[in-house]
Amino acid sequence: MSSTQRSAPGTDHGAHPSGQEPVSELVQRASQQLTELVRGEMRLAQAEMKEKGKRYGKGGGLFGGAGVVGFLMLEALVATVIAALAVPLPVWAAALIVTAALAVIAAVLALGGKKQVGQAAPPTPEQTIENVKADVAEIKESAQR
């Protein structure tokens, strides 16, 4: 096998008398091949992400359906508790007791949520900002050397 490439008859790509292509043509060809490779990889990634997006969409829909059915189940459970308490108490008293218990649960959840949101404030990625500032400072320092 020879280390030189030969052109097909009638196609003179500016080959040197030594039979080797100029470096500029090799660089141009490599650039084109790299561009084609990157575009191909991008098309592959796009197709893969499209397929994953469809699966996430279906999964999200199924989770949504499960959430609706779970909510209906909780409503049925509340009705069951009211009915159970209505045996020894009047129906209105049973409903009032269940409503008060649900109000206490909602208040506790709301206070917990408020605490978590308060701990998350401010809504800026502070650590990332500090890392970027440090990176910029290091790049500036390297450029001055």
Protein backbone atom coordinates (compact mmCIF):
# COMPACT_ATOMS: atom_id res chain seq x y z
CA MET A 1 0.00 0.00 0.00
CA SER A 2 1.40 3.41 -0.96
CA SER A 3 1.39 6.44 1.29
CA THR A 4 0.54 8.72 -1.62
CA GLN A 5 -2.94 9.21 -2.98
CA ARG A 6 -3.48 9.14 -6.69
CA SER A 7 -6.18 11.16 -8.36
CA ALA A 8 -8.61 9.58 -10.74
CA PRO A 9 -7.85 10.31 -14.41
CA GLY A 10 -9.08 13.74 -15.42
CA THR A 11 -9.32 15.05 -11.84
CA ASP A 12 -6.30 17.10 -10.99
CA HIS A 13 -6.95 18.50 -7.51
CA GLY A 14 -3.86 20.63 -7.65
CA ALA A 15 -1.65 17.75 -6.64
CA HIS A 16 2.00 18.45 -6.30
CA PRO A 17 4.47 16.72 -8.62
CA SER A 18 5.30 14.42 -5.71
CA GLY A 19 1.73 13.04 -5.86
CA GLN A 20 0.72 14.47 -2.44
CA GLU A 21 -2.13 16.90 -1.92
CA PRO A 22 -1.36 20.37 -0.59
CA VAL A 23 -1.90 20.90 3.11
CA SER A 24 -4.61 23.49 2.43
CA GLU A 25 -6.70 20.90 0.58
CA LEU A 26 -6.20 18.37 3.35
CA VAL A 27 -7.27 20.93 5.96
CA GLN A 28 -10.29 21.90 3.85
CA ARG A 29 -11.33 18.26 3.41
CA ALA A 30 -10.86 17.58 7.12
CA SER A 31 -12.96 20.64 7.92
CA GLN A 32 -15.73 19.46 5.61
CA GLN A 33 -15.65 15.97 7.06
CA LEU A 34 -15.74 17.34 10.59
CA THR A 35 -18.69 19.55 9.66
CA GLU A 36 -20.54 16.57 8.18
CA LEU A 37 -19.74 14.48 11.25
CA VAL A 38 -21.03 17.17 13.63
CA ARG A 39 -24.20 17.65 11.57
CA GLY A 40 -24.80 13.91 11.53
CA GLU A 41 -24.33 13.70 15.28
CA MET A 42 -26.69 16.65 15.75
CA ARG A 43 -29.36 14.92 13.63
CA LEU A 44 -28.91 11.74 15.66
CA ALA A 45 -29.15 13.65 18.95
CA GLN A 46 -32.25 15.48 17.69
CA ALA A 47 -33.96 12.21 16.74
CA GLU A 48 -33.02 10.64 20.07
CA MET A 49 -34.32 13.62 22.04
CA LYS A 50 -37.54 13.64 20.00
CA GLU A 51 -38.14 9.99 20.89
CA LYS A 52 -37.34 10.62 24.55
CA GLY A 53 -39.64 13.66 24.52
CA LYS A 54 -42.51 11.50 23.28
CA ARG A 55 -41.87 9.00 26.06
CA TYR A 56 -41.70 11.78 28.68
CA GLY A 57 -44.98 13.15 27.33
CA LYS A 58 -46.71 9.79 27.59
CA GLY A 59 -45.25 9.25 31.06
CA GLY A 60 -46.39 12.70 32.16
CA GLY A 61 -49.89 12.01 30.88
CA LEU A 62 -50.02 8.74 32.78
CA PHE A 63 -48.77 10.46 35.96
CA GLY A 64 -51.43 13.13 35.47
CA GLY A 65 -54.12 10.47 35.14
CA ALA A 66 -52.82 8.76 38.26
CA GLY A 67 -52.96 12.09 40.09
CA VAL A 68 -56.60 12.67 39.11
CA VAL A 69 -57.62 9.15 40.17
CA GLY A 70 -55.63 9.54 43.40
CA PHE A 71 -57.44 12.82 44.12
CA LEU A 72 -60.81 11.14 43.52
CA MET A 73 -59.71 8.34 45.85
CA LEU A 74 -58.95 10.88 48.59
CA GLU A 75 -62.37 12.48 48.11
CA ALA A 76 -63.98 9.05 48.49
CA LEU A 77 -61.90 8.47 51.62
CA VAL A 78 -63.10 11.79 53.09
CA ALA A 79 -66.70 10.80 52.34
CA THR A 80 -66.08 7.44 54.01
CA VAL A 81 -64.67 9.09 57.14
CA ILE A 82 -67.65 11.45 57.29
CA ALA A 83 -70.03 8.51 56.91
CA ALA A 84 -68.21 6.58 59.64
CA LEU A 85 -68.36 9.53 62.03
CA ALA A 86 -72.03 10.07 61.13
CA VAL A 87 -72.95 6.80 62.84
CA PRO A 88 -72.40 8.12 66.40
CA LEU A 89 -72.74 11.86 65.52
CA PRO A 90 -75.06 13.96 63.38
CA VAL A 91 -73.90 14.19 59.73
CA TRP A 92 -73.18 17.91 60.01
CA ALA A 93 -70.93 17.36 63.05
CA ALA A 94 -69.03 14.57 61.28
CA ALA A 95 -68.52 16.75 58.20
CA LEU A 96 -67.37 19.66 60.40
CA ILE A 97 -64.81 17.50 62.22
CA VAL A 98 -63.37 16.17 58.93
CA THR A 99 -63.28 19.71 57.49
CA ALA A 100 -61.39 21.00 60.55
CA ALA A 101 -58.88 18.14 60.33
CA LEU A 102 -58.30 18.86 56.62
CA ALA A 103 -57.84 22.57 57.42
CA VAL A 104 -55.14 21.76 60.00
CA ILE A 105 -53.34 19.48 57.50
CA ALA A 106 -53.53 22.19 54.81
CA ALA A 107 -52.15 24.82 57.21
CA VAL A 108 -49.22 22.61 58.23
CA LEU A 109 -48.39 21.87 54.57
CA ALA A 110 -48.64 25.58 53.68
CA LEU A 111 -46.29 26.59 56.51
CA GLY A 112 -43.81 23.91 55.44
CA GLY A 113 -44.01 25.14 51.84
CA LYS A 114 -43.49 28.76 52.92
CA LYS A 115 -40.42 27.74 54.91
CA GLN A 116 -38.93 25.88 51.92
CA VAL A 117 -39.56 28.81 49.54
CA GLY A 118 -37.99 31.18 52.06
CA GLN A 119 -34.87 29.01 52.19
CA ALA A 120 -34.64 28.93 48.41
CA ALA A 121 -34.71 32.73 47.99
CA PRO A 122 -33.24 34.56 46.16
CA PRO A 123 -33.97 32.65 42.95
CA THR A 124 -30.49 33.08 41.47
CA PRO A 125 -27.84 30.40 41.06
CA GLU A 126 -25.41 32.03 43.49
CA GLN A 127 -22.77 29.28 43.44
CA THR A 128 -22.73 29.20 39.62
CA ILE A 129 -22.38 32.99 39.48
CA GLU A 130 -19.42 32.82 41.85
CA ASN A 131 -17.82 30.05 39.78
CA VAL A 132 -18.24 32.07 36.57
CA LYS A 133 -16.73 35.16 38.22
CA ALA A 134 -13.75 33.08 39.35
CA ASP A 135 -13.36 31.62 35.84
CA VAL A 136 -13.43 35.09 34.26
CA ALA A 137 -10.87 36.37 36.74
CA GLU A 138 -8.59 33.40 36.01
CA ILE A 139 -8.93 33.92 32.25
CA LYS A 140 -8.11 37.62 32.62
CA GLU A 141 -5.09 36.75 34.74
CA SER A 142 -3.89 34.18 32.19
CA ALA A 143 -4.34 36.65 29.34
CA GLN A 144 -2.18 39.25 31.10
CA ARG A 145 0.77 36.87 31.43
